[in-house]
Structures are given as C-alpha cells and as structure tokens.
PDB file of all heavy atoms in Angstrom:
ATOM      1  N   VAL A   1      30.496 -66.739  59.447  1.00  0.00           N
ATOM      2  CA  VAL A   1      31.710 -66.465  60.215  1.00  0.00           C
ATOM      3  C   VAL A   1      32.016 -67.699  61.053  1.00  0.00           C
ATOM      4  O   VAL A   1      31.134 -68.233  61.729  1.00  0.00           O
ATOM      5  CB  VAL A   1      31.544 -65.223  61.112  1.00  0.00           C
ATOM      6  CG1 VAL A   1      32.766 -65.025  61.995  1.00  0.00           C
ATOM      7  CG2 VAL A   1      31.312 -63.979  60.251  1.00  0.00           C
ATOM      8  N   TYR A   2      33.286 -68.142  61.018  1.00  0.00           N
ATOM      9  CA  TYR A   2      33.661 -69.430  61.601  1.00  0.00           C
ATOM     10  C   TYR A   2      34.512 -69.294  62.858  1.00  0.00           C
ATOM     11  O   TYR A   2      34.656 -70.255  63.608  1.00  0.00           O
ATOM     12  CB  TYR A   2      34.396 -70.263  60.549  1.00  0.00           C
ATOM     13  CG  TYR A   2      33.683 -70.197  59.215  1.00  0.00           C
ATOM     14  CD1 TYR A   2      34.167 -69.414  58.172  1.00  0.00           C
ATOM     15  CD2 TYR A   2      32.464 -70.857  59.029  1.00  0.00           C
ATOM     16  CE1 TYR A   2      33.487 -69.314  56.970  1.00  0.00           C
ATOM     17  CE2 TYR A   2      31.774 -70.759  57.832  1.00  0.00           C
ATOM     18  CZ  TYR A   2      32.290 -69.983  56.811  1.00  0.00           C
ATOM     19  OH  TYR A   2      31.603 -69.861  55.624  1.00  0.00           O
ATOM     20  N   LYS A   3      35.048 -68.116  63.097  1.00  0.00           N
ATOM     21  CA  LYS A   3      35.759 -67.804  64.337  1.00  0.00           C
ATOM     22  C   LYS A   3      35.425 -66.368  64.715  1.00  0.00           C
ATOM     23  O   LYS A   3      35.442 -65.489  63.850  1.00  0.00           O
ATOM     24  CB  LYS A   3      37.276 -67.960  64.165  1.00  0.00           C
ATOM     25  CG  LYS A   3      37.761 -69.390  64.021  1.00  0.00           C
ATOM     26  CD  LYS A   3      39.285 -69.428  63.980  1.00  0.00           C
ATOM     27  CE  LYS A   3      39.811 -70.849  63.885  1.00  0.00           C
ATOM     28  NZ  LYS A   3      41.300 -70.885  63.850  1.00  0.00           N
ATOM     29  N   GLY A   4      35.168 -66.135  66.000  1.00  0.00           N
ATOM     30  CA  GLY A   4      34.769 -64.799  66.408  1.00  0.00           C
ATOM     31  C   GLY A   4      33.344 -64.517  65.961  1.00  0.00           C
ATOM     32  O   GLY A   4      32.551 -65.425  65.716  1.00  0.00           O
ATOM     33  N   ARG A   5      33.017 -63.232  65.824  1.00  0.00           N
ATOM     34  CA  ARG A   5      31.682 -62.880  65.345  1.00  0.00           C
ATOM     35  C   ARG A   5      31.745 -61.574  64.571  1.00  0.00           C
ATOM     36  O   ARG A   5      32.627 -60.737  64.786  1.00  0.00           O
ATOM     37  CB  ARG A   5      30.686 -62.777  66.492  1.00  0.00           C
ATOM     38  CG  ARG A   5      30.730 -61.512  67.332  1.00  0.00           C
ATOM     39  CD  ARG A   5      29.613 -61.528  68.371  1.00  0.00           C
ATOM     40  NE  ARG A   5      29.527 -60.292  69.129  1.00  0.00           N
ATOM     41  CZ  ARG A   5      28.738 -59.269  68.800  1.00  0.00           C
ATOM     42  NH1 ARG A   5      28.000 -59.339  67.702  1.00  0.00           N
ATOM     43  NH2 ARG A   5      28.685 -58.177  69.545  1.00  0.00           N
ATOM     44  N   GLU A   6      30.800 -61.434  63.665  1.00  0.00           N
ATOM     45  CA  GLU A   6      30.708 -60.227  62.881  1.00  0.00           C
ATOM     46  C   GLU A   6      30.011 -59.131  63.676  1.00  0.00           C
ATOM     47  O   GLU A   6      29.222 -59.408  64.568  1.00  0.00           O
ATOM     48  CB  GLU A   6      29.940 -60.483  61.575  1.00  0.00           C
ATOM     49  CG  GLU A   6      28.497 -60.892  61.764  1.00  0.00           C
ATOM     50  CD  GLU A   6      28.313 -62.384  62.005  1.00  0.00           C
ATOM     51  OE1 GLU A   6      29.153 -62.993  62.694  1.00  0.00           O
ATOM     52  OE2 GLU A   6      27.318 -62.942  61.507  1.00  0.00           O
ATOM     53  N   ARG A   7      30.315 -57.880  63.344  1.00  0.00           N
ATOM     54  CA  ARG A   7      29.674 -56.733  63.986  1.00  0.00           C
ATOM     55  C   ARG A   7      29.066 -55.843  62.917  1.00  0.00           C
ATOM     56  O   ARG A   7      29.696 -55.550  61.899  1.00  0.00           O
ATOM     57  CB  ARG A   7      30.705 -55.923  64.793  1.00  0.00           C
ATOM     58  CG  ARG A   7      31.428 -56.701  65.890  1.00  0.00           C
ATOM     59  CD  ARG A   7      30.534 -57.055  67.047  1.00  0.00           C
ATOM     60  NE  ARG A   7      30.010 -55.883  67.724  1.00  0.00           N
ATOM     61  CZ  ARG A   7      30.645 -55.253  68.724  1.00  0.00           C
ATOM     62  NH1 ARG A   7      31.819 -55.687  69.156  1.00  0.00           N
ATOM     63  NH2 ARG A   7      30.090 -54.199  69.302  1.00  0.00           N
ATOM     64  N   SER A   8      27.853 -55.401  63.145  1.00  0.00           N
ATOM     65  CA  SER A   8      27.238 -54.442  62.234  1.00  0.00           C
ATOM     66  C   SER A   8      27.770 -53.045  62.521  1.00  0.00           C
ATOM     67  O   SER A   8      28.002 -52.683  63.688  1.00  0.00           O
ATOM     68  CB  SER A   8      25.715 -54.447  62.385  1.00  0.00           C
ATOM     69  OG  SER A   8      25.133 -53.412  61.612  1.00  0.00           O
ATOM     70  N   ILE A   9      27.934 -52.251  61.494  1.00  0.00           N
ATOM     71  CA  ILE A   9      28.393 -50.872  61.689  1.00  0.00           C
ATOM     72  C   ILE A   9      27.388 -50.081  62.507  1.00  0.00           C
ATOM     73  O   ILE A   9      27.746 -49.107  63.182  1.00  0.00           O
ATOM     74  CB  ILE A   9      28.641 -50.189  60.320  1.00  0.00           C
ATOM     75  CG1 ILE A   9      29.433 -48.889  60.512  1.00  0.00           C
ATOM     76  CG2 ILE A   9      27.340 -49.939  59.592  1.00  0.00           C
ATOM     77  CD1 ILE A   9      30.803 -49.085  61.105  1.00  0.00           C
ATOM     78  N   LEU A  10      26.113 -50.530  62.520  1.00  0.00           N
ATOM     79  CA  LEU A  10      25.087 -49.832  63.294  1.00  0.00           C
ATOM     80  C   LEU A  10      25.308 -49.959  64.790  1.00  0.00           C
ATOM     81  O   LEU A  10      24.703 -49.217  65.572  1.00  0.00           O
ATOM     82  CB  LEU A  10      23.701 -50.361  62.925  1.00  0.00           C
ATOM     83  CG  LEU A  10      23.246 -50.098  61.485  1.00  0.00           C
ATOM     84  CD1 LEU A  10      21.911 -50.787  61.212  1.00  0.00           C
ATOM     85  CD2 LEU A  10      23.153 -48.606  61.205  1.00  0.00           C
ATOM     86  N   GLU A  11      26.175 -50.873  65.215  1.00  0.00           N
ATOM     87  CA  GLU A  11      26.535 -50.969  66.620  1.00  0.00           C
ATOM     88  C   GLU A  11      27.456 -49.830  67.043  1.00  0.00           C
ATOM     89  O   GLU A  11      27.633 -49.578  68.239  1.00  0.00           O
ATOM     90  CB  GLU A  11      27.214 -52.306  66.906  1.00  0.00           C
ATOM     91  CG  GLU A  11      26.344 -53.520  66.667  1.00  0.00           C
ATOM     92  CD  GLU A  11      27.097 -54.814  66.902  1.00  0.00           C
ATOM     93  OE1 GLU A  11      27.383 -55.108  68.086  1.00  0.00           O
ATOM     94  OE2 GLU A  11      27.403 -55.512  65.916  1.00  0.00           O
ATOM     95  N   PHE A  12      28.030 -49.146  66.041  1.00  0.00           N
ATOM     96  CA  PHE A  12      29.029 -48.123  66.328  1.00  0.00           C
ATOM     97  C   PHE A  12      28.594 -46.718  65.919  1.00  0.00           C
ATOM     98  O   PHE A  12      29.112 -45.736  66.454  1.00  0.00           O
ATOM     99  CB  PHE A  12      30.342 -48.468  65.619  1.00  0.00           C
ATOM    100  CG  PHE A  12      30.906 -49.804  65.997  1.00  0.00           C
ATOM    101  CD1 PHE A  12      30.615 -50.939  65.256  1.00  0.00           C
ATOM    102  CD2 PHE A  12      31.714 -49.941  67.117  1.00  0.00           C
ATOM    103  CE1 PHE A  12      31.127 -52.184  65.603  1.00  0.00           C
ATOM    104  CE2 PHE A  12      32.230 -51.178  67.478  1.00  0.00           C
ATOM    105  CZ  PHE A  12      31.937 -52.305  66.724  1.00  0.00           C
ATOM    106  N   THR A  13      27.651 -46.613  64.967  1.00  0.00           N
ATOM    107  CA  THR A  13      27.215 -45.301  64.509  1.00  0.00           C
ATOM    108  C   THR A  13      25.867 -45.397  63.802  1.00  0.00           C
ATOM    109  O   THR A  13      25.536 -46.438  63.221  1.00  0.00           O
ATOM    110  CB  THR A  13      28.239 -44.678  63.538  1.00  0.00           C
ATOM    111  OG1 THR A  13      27.769 -43.388  63.104  1.00  0.00           O
ATOM    112  CG2 THR A  13      28.452 -45.557  62.309  1.00  0.00           C
ATOM    113  N   ASP A  14      25.107 -44.287  63.869  1.00  0.00           N
ATOM    114  CA  ASP A  14      23.862 -44.192  63.107  1.00  0.00           C
ATOM    115  C   ASP A  14      24.088 -43.567  61.735  1.00  0.00           C
ATOM    116  O   ASP A  14      23.188 -43.570  60.896  1.00  0.00           O
ATOM    117  CB  ASP A  14      22.831 -43.346  63.871  1.00  0.00           C
ATOM    118  CG  ASP A  14      22.350 -44.033  65.139  1.00  0.00           C
ATOM    119  OD1 ASP A  14      22.274 -45.276  65.148  1.00  0.00           O
ATOM    120  OD2 ASP A  14      22.056 -43.321  66.123  1.00  0.00           O
ATOM    121  N   ARG A  15      25.284 -43.023  61.509  1.00  0.00           N
ATOM    122  CA  ARG A  15      25.592 -42.381  60.232  1.00  0.00           C
ATOM    123  C   ARG A  15      26.055 -43.445  59.237  1.00  0.00           C
ATOM    124  O   ARG A  15      27.202 -43.455  58.794  1.00  0.00           O
ATOM    125  CB  ARG A  15      26.662 -41.308  60.401  1.00  0.00           C
ATOM    126  CG  ARG A  15      26.175 -40.058  61.113  1.00  0.00           C
ATOM    127  CD  ARG A  15      27.281 -39.023  61.269  1.00  0.00           C
ATOM    128  NE  ARG A  15      27.908 -38.655  59.994  1.00  0.00           N
ATOM    129  CZ  ARG A  15      27.394 -37.772  59.124  1.00  0.00           C
ATOM    130  NH1 ARG A  15      26.228 -37.184  59.393  1.00  0.00           N
ATOM    131  NH2 ARG A  15      28.036 -37.483  58.015  1.00  0.00           N
ATOM    132  N   ALA A  16      25.136 -44.348  58.933  1.00  0.00           N
ATOM    133  CA  ALA A  16      25.535 -45.509  58.141  1.00  0.00           C
ATOM    134  C   ALA A  16      24.403 -45.993  57.252  1.00  0.00           C
ATOM    135  O   ALA A  16      23.236 -45.988  57.636  1.00  0.00           O
ATOM    136  CB  ALA A  16      25.994 -46.639  59.058  1.00  0.00           C
ATOM    137  N   PHE A  17      24.800 -46.416  56.064  1.00  0.00           N
ATOM    138  CA  PHE A  17      23.953 -47.171  55.160  1.00  0.00           C
ATOM    139  C   PHE A  17      24.402 -48.629  55.242  1.00  0.00           C
ATOM    140  O   PHE A  17      25.598 -48.909  55.144  1.00  0.00           O
ATOM    141  CB  PHE A  17      24.119 -46.694  53.709  1.00  0.00           C
ATOM    142  CG  PHE A  17      23.753 -45.263  53.470  1.00  0.00           C
ATOM    143  CD1 PHE A  17      24.661 -44.236  53.749  1.00  0.00           C
ATOM    144  CD2 PHE A  17      22.519 -44.925  52.936  1.00  0.00           C
ATOM    145  CE1 PHE A  17      24.331 -42.913  53.501  1.00  0.00           C
ATOM    146  CE2 PHE A  17      22.182 -43.608  52.692  1.00  0.00           C
ATOM    147  CZ  PHE A  17      23.087 -42.594  52.972  1.00  0.00           C
ATOM    148  N   VAL A  18      23.458 -49.537  55.401  1.00  0.00           N
ATOM    149  CA  VAL A  18      23.798 -50.953  55.521  1.00  0.00           C
ATOM    150  C   VAL A  18      23.197 -51.720  54.350  1.00  0.00           C
ATOM    151  O   VAL A  18      21.990 -51.672  54.107  1.00  0.00           O
ATOM    152  CB  VAL A  18      23.290 -51.550  56.851  1.00  0.00           C
ATOM    153  CG1 VAL A  18      23.486 -53.062  56.878  1.00  0.00           C
ATOM    154  CG2 VAL A  18      24.024 -50.903  58.023  1.00  0.00           C
ATOM    155  N   LEU A  19      24.064 -52.434  53.624  1.00  0.00           N
ATOM    156  CA  LEU A  19      23.650 -53.323  52.541  1.00  0.00           C
ATOM    157  C   LEU A  19      23.618 -54.747  53.062  1.00  0.00           C
ATOM    158  O   LEU A  19      24.554 -55.189  53.739  1.00  0.00           O
ATOM    159  CB  LEU A  19      24.639 -53.233  51.371  1.00  0.00           C
ATOM    160  CG  LEU A  19      24.729 -51.896  50.645  1.00  0.00           C
ATOM    161  CD1 LEU A  19      26.109 -51.732  50.020  1.00  0.00           C
ATOM    162  CD2 LEU A  19      23.653 -51.801  49.579  1.00  0.00           C
ATOM    163  N   ASN A  20      22.543 -55.463  52.739  1.00  0.00           N
ATOM    164  CA  ASN A  20      22.466 -56.868  53.122  1.00  0.00           C
ATOM    165  C   ASN A  20      21.469 -57.563  52.203  1.00  0.00           C
ATOM    166  O   ASN A  20      20.856 -56.913  51.354  1.00  0.00           O
ATOM    167  CB  ASN A  20      22.069 -57.024  54.593  1.00  0.00           C
ATOM    168  CG  ASN A  20      22.614 -58.283  55.222  1.00  0.00           C
ATOM    169  OD1 ASN A  20      22.809 -59.296  54.541  1.00  0.00           O
ATOM    170  ND2 ASN A  20      22.859 -58.249  56.523  1.00  0.00           N
ATOM    171  N   GLY A  21      21.347 -58.867  52.355  1.00  0.00           N
ATOM    172  CA  GLY A  21      20.439 -59.602  51.488  1.00  0.00           C
ATOM    173  C   GLY A  21      20.404 -61.069  51.836  1.00  0.00           C
ATOM    174  O   GLY A  21      20.876 -61.495  52.896  1.00  0.00           O
ATOM    175  N   PHE A  22      19.894 -61.854  50.922  1.00  0.00           N
ATOM    176  CA  PHE A  22      19.593 -63.256  51.190  1.00  0.00           C
ATOM    177  C   PHE A  22      20.381 -64.226  50.316  1.00  0.00           C
ATOM    178  O   PHE A  22      20.321 -65.431  50.516  1.00  0.00           O
ATOM    179  CB  PHE A  22      18.080 -63.480  51.012  1.00  0.00           C
ATOM    180  CG  PHE A  22      17.267 -62.622  51.935  1.00  0.00           C
ATOM    181  CD1 PHE A  22      16.891 -61.332  51.570  1.00  0.00           C
ATOM    182  CD2 PHE A  22      16.923 -63.073  53.192  1.00  0.00           C
ATOM    183  CE1 PHE A  22      16.174 -60.523  52.432  1.00  0.00           C
ATOM    184  CE2 PHE A  22      16.205 -62.269  54.073  1.00  0.00           C
ATOM    185  CZ  PHE A  22      15.837 -60.990  53.687  1.00  0.00           C
ATOM    186  N   SER A  23      21.150 -63.696  49.369  1.00  0.00           N
ATOM    187  CA  SER A  23      21.821 -64.547  48.383  1.00  0.00           C
ATOM    188  C   SER A  23      22.822 -65.509  49.007  1.00  0.00           C
ATOM    189  O   SER A  23      22.834 -66.699  48.670  1.00  0.00           O
ATOM    190  CB  SER A  23      22.535 -63.681  47.338  1.00  0.00           C
ATOM    191  OG  SER A  23      21.615 -62.974  46.552  1.00  0.00           O
ATOM    192  N   LYS A  24      23.665 -65.023  49.883  1.00  0.00           N
ATOM    193  CA  LYS A  24      24.803 -65.810  50.363  1.00  0.00           C
ATOM    194  C   LYS A  24      24.433 -66.698  51.545  1.00  0.00           C
ATOM    195  O   LYS A  24      24.621 -67.917  51.513  1.00  0.00           O
ATOM    196  CB  LYS A  24      25.954 -64.870  50.743  1.00  0.00           C
ATOM    197  CG  LYS A  24      26.319 -63.850  49.680  1.00  0.00           C
ATOM    198  CD  LYS A  24      26.777 -64.478  48.373  1.00  0.00           C
ATOM    199  CE  LYS A  24      27.194 -63.381  47.385  1.00  0.00           C
ATOM    200  NZ  LYS A  24      27.711 -63.927  46.124  1.00  0.00           N
ATOM    201  N   LEU A  25      23.892 -66.092  52.593  1.00  0.00           N
ATOM    202  CA  LEU A  25      23.620 -66.852  53.815  1.00  0.00           C
ATOM    203  C   LEU A  25      22.541 -67.901  53.617  1.00  0.00           C
ATOM    204  O   LEU A  25      22.626 -68.996  54.170  1.00  0.00           O
ATOM    205  CB  LEU A  25      23.215 -65.887  54.936  1.00  0.00           C
ATOM    206  CG  LEU A  25      22.997 -66.494  56.320  1.00  0.00           C
ATOM    207  CD1 LEU A  25      24.272 -67.139  56.845  1.00  0.00           C
ATOM    208  CD2 LEU A  25      22.498 -65.426  57.294  1.00  0.00           C
ATOM    209  N   TYR A  26      21.551 -67.591  52.805  1.00  0.00           N
ATOM    210  CA  TYR A  26      20.402 -68.491  52.650  1.00  0.00           C
ATOM    211  C   TYR A  26      20.395 -69.208  51.302  1.00  0.00           C
ATOM    212  O   TYR A  26      19.393 -69.833  50.946  1.00  0.00           O
ATOM    213  CB  TYR A  26      19.100 -67.698  52.821  1.00  0.00           C
ATOM    214  CG  TYR A  26      18.980 -67.058  54.182  1.00  0.00           C
ATOM    215  CD1 TYR A  26      19.220 -65.701  54.345  1.00  0.00           C
ATOM    216  CD2 TYR A  26      18.645 -67.807  55.307  1.00  0.00           C
ATOM    217  CE1 TYR A  26      19.129 -65.100  55.585  1.00  0.00           C
ATOM    218  CE2 TYR A  26      18.553 -67.215  56.556  1.00  0.00           C
ATOM    219  CZ  TYR A  26      18.796 -65.864  56.698  1.00  0.00           C
ATOM    220  OH  TYR A  26      18.707 -65.281  57.937  1.00  0.00           O
ATOM    221  N   ALA A  27      21.503 -69.136  50.561  1.00  0.00           N
ATOM    222  CA  ALA A  27      21.609 -69.816  49.258  1.00  0.00           C
ATOM    223  C   ALA A  27      20.444 -69.426  48.345  1.00  0.00           C
ATOM    224  O   ALA A  27      19.758 -70.265  47.778  1.00  0.00           O
ATOM    225  CB  ALA A  27      21.664 -71.341  49.440  1.00  0.00           C
ATOM    226  N   MET A  28      20.246 -68.116  48.196  1.00  0.00           N
ATOM    227  CA  MET A  28      19.120 -67.595  47.427  1.00  0.00           C
ATOM    228  C   MET A  28      19.588 -66.652  46.311  1.00  0.00           C
ATOM    229  O   MET A  28      18.930 -65.660  46.007  1.00  0.00           O
ATOM    230  CB  MET A  28      18.130 -66.872  48.355  1.00  0.00           C
ATOM    231  CG  MET A  28      17.413 -67.777  49.326  1.00  0.00           C
ATOM    232  SD  MET A  28      16.357 -66.867  50.512  1.00  0.00           S
ATOM    233  CE  MET A  28      15.121 -66.159  49.423  1.00  0.00           C
ATOM    234  N   THR A  29      20.704 -66.958  45.674  1.00  0.00           N
ATOM    235  CA  THR A  29      21.249 -66.041  44.665  1.00  0.00           C
ATOM    236  C   THR A  29      20.253 -65.759  43.546  1.00  0.00           C
ATOM    237  O   THR A  29      20.099 -64.616  43.112  1.00  0.00           O
ATOM    238  CB  THR A  29      22.551 -66.596  44.070  1.00  0.00           C
ATOM    239  OG1 THR A  29      22.334 -67.948  43.629  1.00  0.00           O
ATOM    240  CG2 THR A  29      23.670 -66.576  45.089  1.00  0.00           C
ATOM    241  N   GLY A  30      19.575 -66.782  43.066  1.00  0.00           N
ATOM    242  CA  GLY A  30      18.660 -66.600  41.950  1.00  0.00           C
ATOM    243  C   GLY A  30      17.358 -65.905  42.306  1.00  0.00           C
ATOM    244  O   GLY A  30      16.602 -65.497  41.412  1.00  0.00           O
ATOM    245  N   TRP A  31      17.092 -65.743  43.579  1.00  0.00           N
ATOM    246  CA  TRP A  31      15.861 -65.081  44.010  1.00  0.00           C
ATOM    247  C   TRP A  31      15.971 -63.567  43.875  1.00  0.00           C
ATOM    248  O   TRP A  31      14.958 -62.875  43.849  1.00  0.00           O
ATOM    249  CB  TRP A  31      15.541 -65.443  45.464  1.00  0.00           C
ATOM    250  CG  TRP A  31      15.274 -66.890  45.683  1.00  0.00           C
ATOM    251  CD1 TRP A  31      16.195 -67.914  45.683  1.00  0.00           C
ATOM    252  CD2 TRP A  31      14.017 -67.507  45.953  1.00  0.00           C
ATOM    253  NE1 TRP A  31      15.583 -69.108  45.937  1.00  0.00           N
ATOM    254  CE2 TRP A  31      14.238 -68.892  46.103  1.00  0.00           C
ATOM    255  CE3 TRP A  31      12.718 -67.017  46.094  1.00  0.00           C
ATOM    256  CZ2 TRP A  31      13.227 -69.791  46.375  1.00  0.00           C
ATOM    257  CZ3 TRP A  31      11.700 -67.908  46.375  1.00  0.00           C
ATOM    258  CH2 TRP A  31      11.949 -69.282  46.514  1.00  0.00           C
ATOM    259  N   ARG A  32      17.200 -63.064  43.810  1.00  0.00           N
ATOM    260  CA  ARG A  32      17.491 -61.650  43.622  1.00  0.00           C
ATOM    261  C   ARG A  32      16.751 -60.776  44.630  1.00  0.00           C
ATOM    262  O   ARG A  32      15.837 -60.029  44.288  1.00  0.00           O
ATOM    263  CB  ARG A  32      17.168 -61.189  42.187  1.00  0.00           C
ATOM    264  CG  ARG A  32      17.819 -61.968  41.070  1.00  0.00           C
ATOM    265  CD  ARG A  32      19.321 -62.218  41.255  1.00  0.00           C
ATOM    266  NE  ARG A  32      20.056 -60.968  41.473  1.00  0.00           N
ATOM    267  CZ  ARG A  32      20.968 -60.820  42.433  1.00  0.00           C
ATOM    268  NH1 ARG A  32      21.248 -61.816  43.273  1.00  0.00           N
ATOM    269  NH2 ARG A  32      21.601 -59.678  42.554  1.00  0.00           N
ATOM    270  N   LEU A  33      17.175 -60.870  45.878  1.00  0.00           N
ATOM    271  CA  LEU A  33      16.533 -60.079  46.914  1.00  0.00           C
ATOM    272  C   LEU A  33      17.569 -59.579  47.913  1.00  0.00           C
ATOM    273  O   LEU A  33      18.334 -60.368  48.482  1.00  0.00           O
ATOM    274  CB  LEU A  33      15.459 -60.901  47.641  1.00  0.00           C
ATOM    275  CG  LEU A  33      14.467 -60.053  48.431  1.00  0.00           C
ATOM    276  CD1 LEU A  33      13.542 -59.298  47.482  1.00  0.00           C
ATOM    277  CD2 LEU A  33      13.636 -60.909  49.376  1.00  0.00           C
ATOM    278  N   GLY A  34      17.577 -58.278  48.100  1.00  0.00           N
ATOM    279  CA  GLY A  34      18.459 -57.663  49.082  1.00  0.00           C
ATOM    280  C   GLY A  34      17.716 -56.545  49.788  1.00  0.00           C
ATOM    281  O   GLY A  34      16.519 -56.350  49.581  1.00  0.00           O
ATOM    282  N   TYR A  35      18.439 -55.800  50.617  1.00  0.00           N
ATOM    283  CA  TYR A  35      17.821 -54.655  51.271  1.00  0.00           C
ATOM    284  C   TYR A  35      18.887 -53.668  51.703  1.00  0.00           C
ATOM    285  O   TYR A  35      20.089 -53.978  51.763  1.00  0.00           O
ATOM    286  CB  TYR A  35      16.949 -55.075  52.450  1.00  0.00           C
ATOM    287  CG  TYR A  35      17.648 -55.849  53.555  1.00  0.00           C
ATOM    288  CD1 TYR A  35      18.269 -55.197  54.614  1.00  0.00           C
ATOM    289  CD2 TYR A  35      17.649 -57.244  53.548  1.00  0.00           C
ATOM    290  CE1 TYR A  35      18.881 -55.909  55.645  1.00  0.00           C
ATOM    291  CE2 TYR A  35      18.260 -57.955  54.564  1.00  0.00           C
ATOM    292  CZ  TYR A  35      18.874 -57.292  55.605  1.00  0.00           C
ATOM    293  OH  TYR A  35      19.480 -57.996  56.607  1.00  0.00           O
ATOM    294  N   LEU A  36      18.411 -52.467  51.983  1.00  0.00           N
ATOM    295  CA  LEU A  36      19.273 -51.377  52.387  1.00  0.00           C
ATOM    296  C   LEU A  36      18.654 -50.701  53.598  1.00  0.00           C
ATOM    297  O   LEU A  36      17.466 -50.347  53.582  1.00  0.00           O
ATOM    298  CB  LEU A  36      19.411 -50.379  51.228  1.00  0.00           C
ATOM    299  CG  LEU A  36      20.287 -49.157  51.407  1.00  0.00           C
ATOM    300  CD1 LEU A  36      21.742 -49.567  51.641  1.00  0.00           C
ATOM    301  CD2 LEU A  36      20.195 -48.279  50.155  1.00  0.00           C
ATOM    302  N   ILE A  37      19.428 -50.569  54.670  1.00  0.00           N
ATOM    303  CA  ILE A  37      19.008 -49.791  55.824  1.00  0.00           C
ATOM    304  C   ILE A  37      19.518 -48.376  55.615  1.00  0.00           C
ATOM    305  O   ILE A  37      20.717 -48.155  55.440  1.00  0.00           O
ATOM    306  CB  ILE A  37      19.546 -50.405  57.132  1.00  0.00           C
ATOM    307  CG1 ILE A  37      19.013 -51.832  57.306  1.00  0.00           C
ATOM    308  CG2 ILE A  37      19.158 -49.541  58.331  1.00  0.00           C
ATOM    309  CD1 ILE A  37      19.591 -52.569  58.505  1.00  0.00           C
ATOM    310  N   VAL A  38      18.585 -47.417  55.599  1.00  0.00           N
ATOM    311  CA  VAL A  38      18.867 -46.062  55.130  1.00  0.00           C
ATOM    312  C   VAL A  38      18.714 -45.058  56.270  1.00  0.00           C
ATOM    313  O   VAL A  38      17.714 -45.095  56.997  1.00  0.00           O
ATOM    314  CB  VAL A  38      17.882 -45.693  53.989  1.00  0.00           C
ATOM    315  CG1 VAL A  38      18.230 -44.335  53.386  1.00  0.00           C
ATOM    316  CG2 VAL A  38      17.863 -46.778  52.913  1.00  0.00           C
ATOM    317  N   PRO A  39      19.661 -44.133  56.435  1.00  0.00           N
ATOM    318  CA  PRO A  39      19.443 -43.042  57.389  1.00  0.00           C
ATOM    319  C   PRO A  39      18.192 -42.248  57.018  1.00  0.00           C
ATOM    320  O   PRO A  39      17.923 -42.007  55.832  1.00  0.00           O
ATOM    321  CB  PRO A  39      20.712 -42.185  57.232  1.00  0.00           C
ATOM    322  CG  PRO A  39      21.748 -43.132  56.695  1.00  0.00           C
ATOM    323  CD  PRO A  39      20.993 -44.073  55.806  1.00  0.00           C
ATOM    324  N   GLU A  40      17.437 -41.842  58.009  1.00  0.00           N
ATOM    325  CA  GLU A  40      16.117 -41.255  57.786  1.00  0.00           C
ATOM    326  C   GLU A  40      16.088 -40.126  56.753  1.00  0.00           C
ATOM    327  O   GLU A  40      15.162 -40.074  55.921  1.00  0.00           O
ATOM    328  CB  GLU A  40      15.536 -40.778  59.130  1.00  0.00           C
ATOM    329  CG  GLU A  40      14.050 -40.471  59.086  1.00  0.00           C
ATOM    330  CD  GLU A  40      13.767 -39.092  58.548  1.00  0.00           C
ATOM    331  OE1 GLU A  40      14.628 -38.199  58.708  1.00  0.00           O
ATOM    332  OE2 GLU A  40      12.691 -38.911  57.935  1.00  0.00           O
ATOM    333  N   PRO A  41      17.055 -39.181  56.728  1.00  0.00           N
ATOM    334  CA  PRO A  41      16.964 -38.078  55.765  1.00  0.00           C
ATOM    335  C   PRO A  41      17.000 -38.517  54.303  1.00  0.00           C
ATOM    336  O   PRO A  41      16.607 -37.738  53.417  1.00  0.00           O
ATOM    337  CB  PRO A  41      18.188 -37.214  56.102  1.00  0.00           C
ATOM    338  CG  PRO A  41      18.530 -37.550  57.510  1.00  0.00           C
ATOM    339  CD  PRO A  41      18.190 -39.003  57.652  1.00  0.00           C
ATOM    340  N   PHE A  42      17.469 -39.733  54.037  1.00  0.00           N
ATOM    341  CA  PHE A  42      17.622 -40.189  52.663  1.00  0.00           C
ATOM    342  C   PHE A  42      16.496 -41.116  52.191  1.00  0.00           C
ATOM    343  O   PHE A  42      16.433 -41.476  51.022  1.00  0.00           O
ATOM    344  CB  PHE A  42      18.953 -40.936  52.502  1.00  0.00           C
ATOM    345  CG  PHE A  42      20.173 -40.082  52.740  1.00  0.00           C
ATOM    346  CD1 PHE A  42      20.708 -39.966  54.014  1.00  0.00           C
ATOM    347  CD2 PHE A  42      20.780 -39.409  51.697  1.00  0.00           C
ATOM    348  CE1 PHE A  42      21.832 -39.185  54.240  1.00  0.00           C
ATOM    349  CE2 PHE A  42      21.903 -38.626  51.909  1.00  0.00           C
ATOM    350  CZ  PHE A  42      22.431 -38.509  53.184  1.00  0.00           C
TER     351      PHE A  42
END
C-alpha cells in the first residue's frame, strides 16, 4: 500500500475468515504457501 494504510477485517469483527500468504509481499509465488485465519467453530 502506497498511500494510507490497509485494515484487516479482524479489526472490525470476529465473524471473519482471513486469507493471506507470502506470494505477493515477499515475492514467494513459487513457494506456494498461504494461510487462513478461521473462526473457532470451523
């Protein structure tokens, strides 16, 4: 982000699944690694 700042949806609610990973920010596309933040019941 080059102006302002990004906000995670977790700042606004716990009823959220968050997708993230390492491909874009860390130039790791070929490493194939991501993660999911999951609400506890799931």
